[in-house]
Structure formats: structure tokens, C-alpha cells
Amino acid sequence: MLHYDEWENKTLEYNLLKYNWPEHVLELIQQLYPKIKKLETIHLFLSPSDFSRVSLHVQNSFSQVKYMKLFDNFAKEYIQSKIGGKKYLIKRQATLNLVVPNQIKIQRKLPFHQGIFYNNGRGQRTIWMPITKAEKTNSMYIANLQDSRALTKKVIKEQLSQEQFEKECLKISKPVNLNPGQAHLFHQEHIHGNVNNETGYTRMAIDWHILIEGEEYGNRLPGGFFRAPGDYEQNDSFNYKNKNFITYVSNNSKFDKNIPLVFQRKVIDEYCNNKKILNLGVQFENEYLDWLPILEHYIKQQPDGIVLCSMYSLPDNTKRRNYLLNLALKNNVELHFANEYCKLSNKKDFDKINFYLNFAKHKKGKHIWQV
């Protein structure tokens, strides 16, 4: 595994004037709550139900191009050198962690876990950036790699309760003490979590990831959860008025074979609503026909576009997948992939889709508790 030593509970110093995350987040929060003047005192002005609204608003705002570019520049300046100069993808939307005083009272305490338990792959690296002072009980508690692996084996073998697990976690973990302008670097096998915040003020942090080329992504899909630096297609605006679109759902790839149709349709419908695409009807693939003949049939019918749940819903067989993609190009049919917020309309899109599909591995070898 690449450059673990660079990511084993290491501190990164960065230019806070150039990457002023506290200022950016405060400005975004003030779009909802202008009376908020300091991040550390947000809990004095908002109700518990408002906290989730704040986090969601900031996270959604991070998908704007200006913030995407900021993350891209940060990664190029500070992160690429820590992965041997290899290619990488960036988490599409960074997470805002908001830890208010006595958060356990309102069921907001983050349970201890490791990234693998959250469907992360071991090829991911985490950049945890506090935008307020992180110290003592308001900060993230984290264990070293050796202790994390040993406890992970123990909790699975002995089927510990969450209370027992957290008690063991506290024996091996300690708080990360950082200020804005510093970040904590770790990878997915480090056990981490929160204790009850007894400092009297709110702690906030931005949590984001990169995925290294050729490494393991788990269930965090390249192209969906992760995007390439410079890929801002999610924000592209097109006019689909008077365009004839159908939607298509299948259960025949490794990705979608166990995803209920209703869940796939929900992802597709949300995409269509956001893009203002009028859906003329839903078409379903026959089960067990993994070459997707119904999709081929409708491409040949030449609607303006077909919306699928994901690019990972295409055939697992590379030759067949590329045939369908080229057929769509030949017939001037746009294929839209809702989960990845991208489309196929030209050769450049074709190359990007294959770049994502071939970028990393789902899993590489057994997990530590499986050995």
C-alpha cells in the first residue's frame, strides 16, 4: 500500500490566508443565518434541528465550481507529493463536521469506527481540517494503526457491543489538537470517533478524501463519490426543453444487481428534476440478460437521451460496454448517468467514463480481520 507513513496520524501545515476555510464556511452559514458571527458560538443561536441544515447547505455549496477549484488547488499543492505523484481523485463533496457542546444529549456524537466500516476503500486517504480550535473533548479521537488493527479483529471476533467497543477505543485513542491552518492526515484503518464535547464551544472541521490510482475504492465509486481534478460537469447547465428522454433501469451488473428498482428510480428522478429533464417513460431491462439488449434496442430507437442510474449499470464486460457507448455516439443518443452527474455526448465523454471505470479496484486482498 502506497505511502502509509505519510498518512499515519500526520499533521499538515497549510497557508490559511490562501485557503481560508473558516471564512468560506462562515460566509456560507451566514447565507442561512446572518446573525451568526463566530463559528464557535453557533450553538447559542440555533436549535438542534438547524445543525443538520447548516451542514447540508455547506456540503452542497462545496459542489460549486469555485470551491471545487479550491480543493483541486489544495490537493495539487499539499497532497500529491504525499502519494508519490500518482494520479488521484477528490471527494465530490467534502463533509462539514459540527460538534456542539454536550452533543451526546441530542444524539449527535459520532460513534467510533474505522473507514472500512463506512464502505471506504483502503486506497482512500483522509484530510481532516478543523476550522475552529480542535482540542480536548471537542476534537476527534484517533488510534494508531497497530492498535486499530488489533481492536478491529477483537470487535469482530468477540462481537462486542457498541458500549464495549467504545470503552476499548478510549484506551487506545487520543484527541487531535490542531488549529485552523493545520490538517490531520490518516487512512482508512485508523479507528476514530468523538467523545462528549465538554469544552463549552462548537468545533467544526472539513473532512474530505482522495482516492489513489490503482488502489481500492470499496463502495465509494470513482466518478460518483470521487471526481477527477478539473471535472466540474456536475455544474454544467444545459437546456433540455423539448428533448425526448426516457429512463432505464437494470439489475444486471455487479453494481446494481442488488439495488432495488425503486432506489435506482429515486436517484434517476432526482437527477431529472435537477436537470429539468422531462421523462417520457421508464424502461426496465430483463433479468439475467447482462448484455443489456433492451438498452441496445432503445439506443437504436434514437431518443434524444436515456438516463441510467449509474455508469456502473453498464455491462461489466468491457467490450460489450464500449459497444453500447459507441452505438449511442453513432446514433446521437445522449446517455446520462445520474449517480455520477455526467453524460456521454462525444469522444471526450467516452474517454472520461472509461477513465473512471478503470481508475481503481473495488477490493484488493483480504481485510485485516479476514487474514
Protein backbone atom coordinates (compact mmCIF):
# COMPACT_ATOMS: atom_id res chain seq x y z
CA MET A 1 0.00 0.00 0.00
CA LEU A 2 1.33 3.38 -1.05
CA HIS A 3 2.98 5.78 1.37
CA TYR A 4 1.22 4.72 4.55
CA ASP A 5 3.83 6.53 6.63
CA GLU A 6 2.77 9.91 5.20
CA TRP A 7 -0.78 9.26 6.42
CA GLU A 8 -0.36 7.65 9.84
CA ASN A 9 -1.65 10.43 12.08
CA LYS A 10 0.46 13.16 10.49
CA THR A 11 -0.05 16.92 10.78
CA LEU A 12 -0.11 19.06 7.63
CA GLU A 13 0.56 22.81 7.84
CA TYR A 14 -1.05 24.92 5.11
CA ASN A 15 -1.46 28.57 4.15
CA LEU A 16 -4.61 29.75 5.92
CA LEU A 17 -4.63 33.08 4.08
CA LYS A 18 -4.67 31.30 0.72
CA TYR A 19 -7.12 28.58 1.83
CA ASN A 20 -9.26 30.38 4.36
CA TRP A 21 -11.74 27.61 5.07
CA PRO A 22 -13.12 29.22 8.29
CA GLU A 23 -14.02 32.36 6.38
CA HIS A 24 -15.59 30.43 3.50
CA VAL A 25 -17.72 28.29 5.81
CA LEU A 26 -18.84 31.27 7.89
CA GLU A 27 -19.94 33.10 4.74
CA LEU A 28 -21.95 30.06 3.63
CA ILE A 29 -23.61 29.70 7.03
CA GLN A 30 -24.50 33.39 7.03
CA GLN A 31 -26.46 32.82 3.83
CA LEU A 32 -28.92 30.94 6.03
CA TYR A 33 -28.35 32.64 9.38
CA PRO A 34 -26.92 36.19 9.02
CA LYS A 35 -26.82 36.65 12.80
CA ILE A 36 -24.06 34.03 13.16
CA LYS A 37 -20.78 35.90 13.68
CA LYS A 38 -18.50 33.19 15.06
CA LEU A 39 -18.35 29.50 14.23
CA GLU A 40 -17.52 28.60 17.85
CA THR A 41 -20.78 30.07 19.20
CA ILE A 42 -23.22 28.79 16.58
CA HIS A 43 -24.92 26.58 19.16
CA LEU A 44 -26.09 29.67 21.06
CA PHE A 45 -28.25 30.83 18.16
CA LEU A 46 -29.54 27.67 16.52
CA SER A 47 -31.78 24.82 17.57
CA PRO A 48 -30.61 21.19 17.23
CA SER A 49 -32.76 20.76 14.14
CA ASP A 50 -30.84 23.59 12.45
CA PHE A 51 -27.44 21.90 12.75
CA SER A 52 -28.12 19.36 10.03
CA ARG A 53 -29.46 22.09 7.76
CA VAL A 54 -26.21 24.02 8.21
CA SER A 55 -24.03 21.00 7.39
CA LEU A 56 -26.09 20.08 4.33
CA HIS A 57 -26.05 23.63 2.99
CA VAL A 58 -22.27 23.92 3.32
CA GLN A 59 -21.66 20.48 1.82
CA ASN A 60 -23.94 21.19 -1.15
CA SER A 61 -22.22 24.55 -1.66
CA PHE A 62 -18.86 22.79 -1.90
CA SER A 63 -20.07 21.40 -5.25
CA GLN A 64 -19.89 24.90 -6.72
CA VAL A 65 -17.03 25.32 -9.18
CA LYS A 66 -15.20 27.94 -7.12
CA TYR A 67 -14.95 25.57 -4.16
CA MET A 68 -14.11 22.58 -6.37
CA LYS A 69 -11.20 24.57 -7.74
CA LEU A 70 -10.08 25.45 -4.22
CA PHE A 71 -9.96 21.77 -3.23
CA ASP A 72 -8.18 20.97 -6.52
CA ASN A 73 -5.51 23.58 -5.87
CA PHE A 74 -5.07 22.49 -2.26
CA ALA A 75 -4.62 18.86 -3.30
CA LYS A 76 -2.10 19.76 -6.00
CA GLU A 77 -0.09 21.95 -3.62
CA TYR A 78 -0.11 19.81 -0.49
CA ILE A 79 -1.36 16.28 -1.18
CA GLN A 80 0.08 14.99 -4.47
CA SER A 81 3.61 14.87 -3.07
CA LYS A 82 2.39 12.59 -0.27
CA ILE A 83 1.21 9.88 -2.67
CA GLY A 84 4.33 9.59 -4.81
CA GLY A 85 2.99 11.86 -7.52
CA LYS A 86 0.37 9.31 -8.62
CA LYS A 87 -2.98 10.29 -10.10
CA TYR A 88 -5.81 10.78 -7.65
CA LEU A 89 -9.50 11.61 -7.44
CA ILE A 90 -11.09 14.03 -4.97
CA LYS A 91 -14.23 13.57 -2.89
CA ARG A 92 -17.02 15.25 -4.82
CA GLN A 93 -18.49 16.99 -1.77
CA ALA A 94 -16.47 17.48 1.40
CA THR A 95 -18.25 16.90 4.73
CA LEU A 96 -18.71 19.55 7.42
CA ASN A 97 -18.37 18.10 10.92
CA LEU A 98 -20.19 20.18 13.52
CA VAL A 99 -19.60 19.21 17.16
CA VAL A 100 -21.64 21.32 19.59
CA PRO A 101 -21.22 21.32 23.38
CA ASN A 102 -22.78 18.33 25.11
CA GLN A 103 -23.73 16.84 21.74
CA ILE A 104 -24.45 13.48 23.32
CA LYS A 105 -27.61 14.99 24.82
CA ILE A 106 -29.08 15.46 21.34
CA GLN A 107 -27.71 12.19 19.87
CA ARG A 108 -25.10 13.87 17.69
CA LYS A 109 -21.97 12.12 18.95
CA LEU A 110 -20.03 10.35 16.21
CA PRO A 111 -19.53 6.68 17.18
CA PHE A 112 -16.04 5.21 16.99
CA HIS A 113 -15.38 3.40 13.72
CA GLN A 114 -12.79 2.91 11.03
CA GLY A 115 -13.21 3.95 7.41
CA ILE A 116 -13.68 0.38 6.16
CA PHE A 117 -16.84 0.18 8.29
CA TYR A 118 -18.17 3.16 6.30
CA ASN A 119 -17.65 1.45 2.92
CA ASN A 120 -14.38 3.29 2.28
CA GLY A 121 -11.62 1.55 0.37
CA ARG A 122 -8.06 1.25 1.64
CA GLY A 123 -6.91 3.33 -1.33
CA GLN A 124 -8.53 6.39 0.20
CA ARG A 125 -6.71 8.98 2.29
CA THR A 126 -8.45 11.36 4.69
CA ILE A 127 -7.73 15.07 5.13
CA TRP A 128 -9.37 16.31 8.36
CA MET A 129 -9.20 20.10 8.63
CA PRO A 130 -10.51 21.83 11.77
CA ILE A 131 -11.79 25.34 11.04
CA THR A 132 -12.07 26.17 14.74
CA LYS A 133 -9.68 25.22 17.52
CA ALA A 134 -9.77 21.45 18.00
CA GLU A 135 -8.71 20.32 21.46
CA LYS A 136 -9.60 18.07 24.37
CA THR A 137 -13.14 16.68 24.29
CA ASN A 138 -14.35 18.67 21.27
CA SER A 139 -11.82 17.10 18.91
CA MET A 140 -11.63 13.84 17.02
CA TYR A 141 -10.08 10.97 18.98
CA ILE A 142 -7.93 8.61 16.90
CA ALA A 143 -5.80 5.48 17.45
CA ASN A 144 -2.56 4.41 15.78
CA LEU A 145 -2.54 1.81 13.01
CA GLN A 146 -1.28 -1.16 15.01
CA ASP A 147 -3.77 -0.71 17.86
CA SER A 148 -6.59 -0.05 15.38
CA ARG A 149 -5.99 -3.29 13.52
CA ALA A 150 -5.80 -5.30 16.75
CA LEU A 151 -9.03 -3.83 18.12
CA THR A 152 -10.80 -4.29 14.78
CA LYS A 153 -10.02 -8.01 14.91
CA LYS A 154 -11.22 -8.16 18.51
CA VAL A 155 -14.55 -6.38 17.99
CA ILE A 156 -15.47 -8.67 15.07
CA LYS A 157 -14.23 -11.89 16.66
CA GLU A 158 -15.88 -11.25 20.02
CA GLN A 159 -18.95 -9.39 18.66
CA LEU A 160 -18.57 -6.56 21.15
CA SER A 161 -21.46 -4.24 21.90
CA GLN A 162 -21.04 -0.59 20.91
CA GLU A 163 -20.53 0.30 24.58
CA GLN A 164 -17.79 -2.32 24.94
CA PHE A 165 -16.20 -1.26 21.66
CA GLU A 166 -16.11 2.42 22.63
CA LYS A 167 -14.62 1.57 26.01
CA GLU A 168 -11.80 -0.26 24.24
CA CYS A 169 -11.41 2.62 21.77
CA LEU A 170 -10.84 5.11 24.56
CA LYS A 171 -7.96 3.01 25.87
CA ILE A 172 -6.02 3.39 22.61
CA SER A 173 -7.17 6.78 21.28
CA LYS A 174 -6.24 10.36 21.99
CA PRO A 175 -7.56 13.74 20.81
CA VAL A 176 -6.12 15.58 17.82
CA ASN A 177 -5.09 19.07 18.96
CA LEU A 178 -4.94 21.43 15.99
CA ASN A 179 -5.72 25.00 14.95
CA PRO A 180 -7.11 26.34 11.66
CA GLY A 181 -4.26 26.20 9.15
CA GLN A 182 -3.46 22.63 10.14
CA ALA A 183 -4.88 19.32 8.91
CA HIS A 184 -4.69 15.76 10.21
CA LEU A 185 -3.82 13.04 7.67
CA PHE A 186 -4.80 9.42 8.14
CA HIS A 187 -6.02 6.40 6.22
CA GLN A 188 -9.00 4.12 6.49
CA GLU A 189 -7.84 1.55 9.04
CA HIS A 190 -7.39 4.09 11.84
CA ILE A 191 -10.14 3.82 14.46
CA HIS A 192 -11.54 7.25 15.30
CA GLY A 193 -14.61 8.93 16.76
CA ASN A 194 -15.83 11.54 19.23
CA VAL A 195 -16.42 11.80 22.94
CA ASN A 196 -18.89 14.22 24.52
CA ASN A 197 -17.86 17.83 23.92
CA GLU A 198 -17.37 19.42 27.34
CA THR A 199 -15.32 22.44 26.20
CA GLY A 200 -18.28 24.82 26.05
CA TYR A 201 -17.83 25.84 22.40
CA THR A 202 -18.54 24.36 18.99
CA ARG A 203 -15.83 22.64 16.98
CA MET A 204 -16.10 22.45 13.18
CA ALA A 205 -13.96 20.56 10.71
CA ILE A 206 -13.97 19.84 6.99
CA ASP A 207 -13.50 16.15 6.22
CA TRP A 208 -12.55 15.06 2.71
CA HIS A 209 -10.75 12.25 0.89
CA ILE A 210 -8.64 11.43 -2.10
CA LEU A 211 -8.53 8.09 -3.92
CA ILE A 212 -5.19 6.91 -5.33
CA GLU A 213 -4.96 5.46 -8.84
CA GLY A 214 -4.97 1.66 -8.97
CA GLU A 215 -5.89 1.31 -5.31
CA GLU A 216 -9.03 0.11 -3.56
CA TYR A 217 -12.23 2.19 -3.52
CA GLY A 218 -14.57 -0.12 -1.58
CA ASN A 219 -18.07 1.15 -2.33
CA ARG A 220 -17.06 4.79 -2.88
CA LEU A 221 -17.34 4.91 -6.65
CA PRO A 222 -14.85 6.74 -8.89
CA GLY A 223 -16.87 9.25 -10.88
CA GLY A 224 -19.63 9.34 -8.26
CA PHE A 225 -18.30 9.78 -4.74
CA PHE A 226 -14.99 10.84 -6.30
CA ARG A 227 -14.27 13.16 -9.23
CA ALA A 228 -11.12 13.94 -11.15
CA PRO A 229 -9.44 17.31 -10.57
CA GLY A 230 -10.90 19.71 -13.10
CA ASP A 231 -14.08 17.70 -13.63
CA TYR A 232 -16.83 20.25 -12.98
CA GLU A 233 -19.52 18.75 -15.21
CA GLN A 234 -21.88 18.46 -12.24
CA ASN A 235 -22.38 22.22 -12.52
CA ASP A 236 -22.84 22.36 -16.29
CA SER A 237 -26.16 23.89 -17.33
CA PHE A 238 -27.97 22.68 -20.45
CA ASN A 239 -31.43 23.37 -21.79
CA TYR A 240 -33.30 20.08 -22.25
CA LYS A 241 -36.63 21.68 -23.12
CA ASN A 242 -38.40 19.88 -25.99
CA LYS A 243 -35.94 16.99 -25.74
CA ASN A 244 -37.26 13.42 -25.71
CA PHE A 245 -35.74 11.44 -22.83
CA ILE A 246 -36.54 8.03 -21.42
CA THR A 247 -35.15 6.44 -18.26
CA TYR A 248 -33.74 2.95 -18.00
CA VAL A 249 -33.25 0.64 -15.01
CA SER A 250 -31.36 -2.66 -14.83
CA ASN A 251 -30.25 -5.21 -12.24
CA ASN A 252 -27.58 -6.99 -14.28
CA SER A 253 -24.18 -5.55 -13.30
CA LYS A 254 -22.08 -6.19 -10.22
CA PHE A 255 -23.03 -2.70 -9.10
CA ASP A 256 -26.80 -2.69 -9.48
CA LYS A 257 -27.81 -6.35 -9.21
CA ASN A 258 -28.81 -5.90 -5.56
CA ILE A 259 -30.13 -2.34 -5.74
CA PRO A 260 -33.95 -2.34 -5.66
CA LEU A 261 -35.50 -0.70 -8.70
CA VAL A 262 -37.30 1.86 -6.55
CA PHE A 263 -33.98 3.14 -5.20
CA GLN A 264 -32.48 3.39 -8.67
CA ARG A 265 -35.53 5.28 -9.88
CA LYS A 266 -35.24 7.70 -6.97
CA VAL A 267 -31.67 8.59 -8.00
CA ILE A 268 -32.76 8.95 -11.63
CA ASP A 269 -35.82 11.06 -10.79
CA GLU A 270 -33.76 13.43 -8.64
CA TYR A 271 -31.27 13.88 -11.47
CA CYS A 272 -34.04 14.57 -13.98
CA ASN A 273 -35.65 17.09 -11.66
CA ASN A 274 -32.36 18.91 -11.11
CA LYS A 275 -31.56 18.98 -14.82
CA LYS A 276 -35.17 19.80 -15.78
CA ILE A 277 -35.35 16.71 -17.99
CA LEU A 278 -38.86 15.57 -18.90
CA ASN A 279 -39.03 11.79 -18.56
CA LEU A 280 -41.32 10.23 -21.18
CA GLY A 281 -41.25 6.77 -19.61
CA VAL A 282 -39.33 4.14 -17.68
CA GLN A 283 -37.86 1.07 -19.40
CA PHE A 284 -36.65 -1.99 -17.50
CA GLU A 285 -34.03 -4.50 -18.55
CA ASN A 286 -34.86 -8.20 -18.42
CA GLU A 287 -33.24 -10.00 -15.51
CA TYR A 288 -30.16 -12.17 -16.20
CA LEU A 289 -29.57 -10.55 -19.60
CA ASP A 290 -26.30 -8.89 -18.65
CA TRP A 291 -25.53 -7.77 -22.20
CA LEU A 292 -28.49 -5.33 -21.87
CA PRO A 293 -30.37 -5.98 -25.12
CA ILE A 294 -33.25 -3.67 -24.16
CA LEU A 295 -30.85 -0.78 -23.65
CA GLU A 296 -29.37 -1.51 -27.08
CA HIS A 297 -32.88 -1.61 -28.56
CA TYR A 298 -33.78 1.83 -27.22
CA ILE A 299 -30.49 3.38 -28.27
CA LYS A 300 -31.37 2.28 -31.81
CA GLN A 301 -34.78 3.99 -31.42
CA GLN A 302 -32.83 7.26 -31.19
CA PRO A 303 -34.47 9.27 -28.40
CA ASP A 304 -32.56 12.44 -27.54
CA GLY A 305 -31.34 10.84 -24.36
CA ILE A 306 -31.53 7.92 -21.93
CA VAL A 307 -30.94 8.36 -18.20
CA LEU A 308 -29.41 5.44 -16.27
CA CYS A 309 -28.78 5.19 -12.54
CA SER A 310 -25.01 4.92 -12.99
CA MET A 311 -22.21 4.28 -15.45
CA TYR A 312 -21.63 1.17 -13.33
CA SER A 313 -25.01 -0.10 -14.58
CA LEU A 314 -23.43 -0.67 -17.98
CA PRO A 315 -22.22 -4.22 -18.76
CA ASP A 316 -19.28 -5.47 -16.72
CA ASN A 317 -17.82 -6.87 -19.94
CA THR A 318 -15.59 -4.09 -21.30
CA LYS A 319 -16.04 -4.99 -24.97
CA ARG A 320 -19.83 -5.03 -24.71
CA ARG A 321 -19.86 -1.83 -22.64
CA ASN A 322 -17.79 0.05 -25.20
CA TYR A 323 -20.00 -1.26 -28.00
CA LEU A 324 -23.08 0.28 -26.35
CA LEU A 325 -21.28 3.56 -25.66
CA ASN A 326 -20.11 3.80 -29.27
CA LEU A 327 -23.58 2.84 -30.50
CA ALA A 328 -25.03 5.74 -28.52
CA LEU A 329 -22.49 8.12 -30.05
CA LYS A 330 -23.22 6.82 -33.54
CA ASN A 331 -26.97 7.32 -33.05
CA ASN A 332 -26.62 10.75 -31.38
CA VAL A 333 -28.26 9.48 -28.20
CA GLU A 334 -27.01 11.09 -25.01
CA LEU A 335 -26.56 8.62 -22.16
CA HIS A 336 -26.87 10.29 -18.77
CA PHE A 337 -25.57 8.71 -15.57
CA ALA A 338 -27.45 10.09 -12.60
CA ASN A 339 -25.19 8.93 -9.76
CA GLU A 340 -22.09 10.42 -11.39
CA TYR A 341 -23.81 13.56 -12.70
CA CYS A 342 -22.25 13.10 -16.13
CA LYS A 343 -23.27 12.23 -19.66
CA LEU A 344 -21.97 10.69 -22.88
CA SER A 345 -22.27 13.02 -25.86
CA ASN A 346 -18.83 12.93 -27.51
CA LYS A 347 -15.50 11.08 -27.64
CA LYS A 348 -14.13 13.11 -24.73
CA ASP A 349 -17.01 11.88 -22.55
CA PHE A 350 -16.34 8.32 -23.72
CA ASP A 351 -12.74 8.59 -22.55
CA LYS A 352 -13.76 10.11 -19.21
CA ILE A 353 -16.25 7.34 -18.49
CA ASN A 354 -13.65 4.67 -19.15
CA PHE A 355 -11.10 6.62 -17.09
CA TYR A 356 -13.39 6.43 -14.07
CA LEU A 357 -14.40 2.81 -14.65
CA ASN A 358 -10.76 1.72 -14.85
CA PHE A 359 -9.25 4.07 -12.29
CA ALA A 360 -9.17 1.82 -9.21
CA LYS A 361 -10.13 -1.59 -7.81
CA HIS A 362 -13.21 -2.46 -5.79
CA LYS A 363 -11.17 -4.56 -3.35
CA LYS A 364 -7.53 -5.67 -3.23
CA GLY A 365 -6.98 -8.64 -0.92
CA LYS A 366 -8.46 -9.56 2.42
CA HIS A 367 -9.16 -7.14 5.23
CA ILE A 368 -7.01 -7.45 8.33
CA TRP A 369 -9.67 -9.36 10.26
CA GLN A 370 -10.08 -11.82 7.38
CA VAL A 371 -6.44 -12.92 7.37
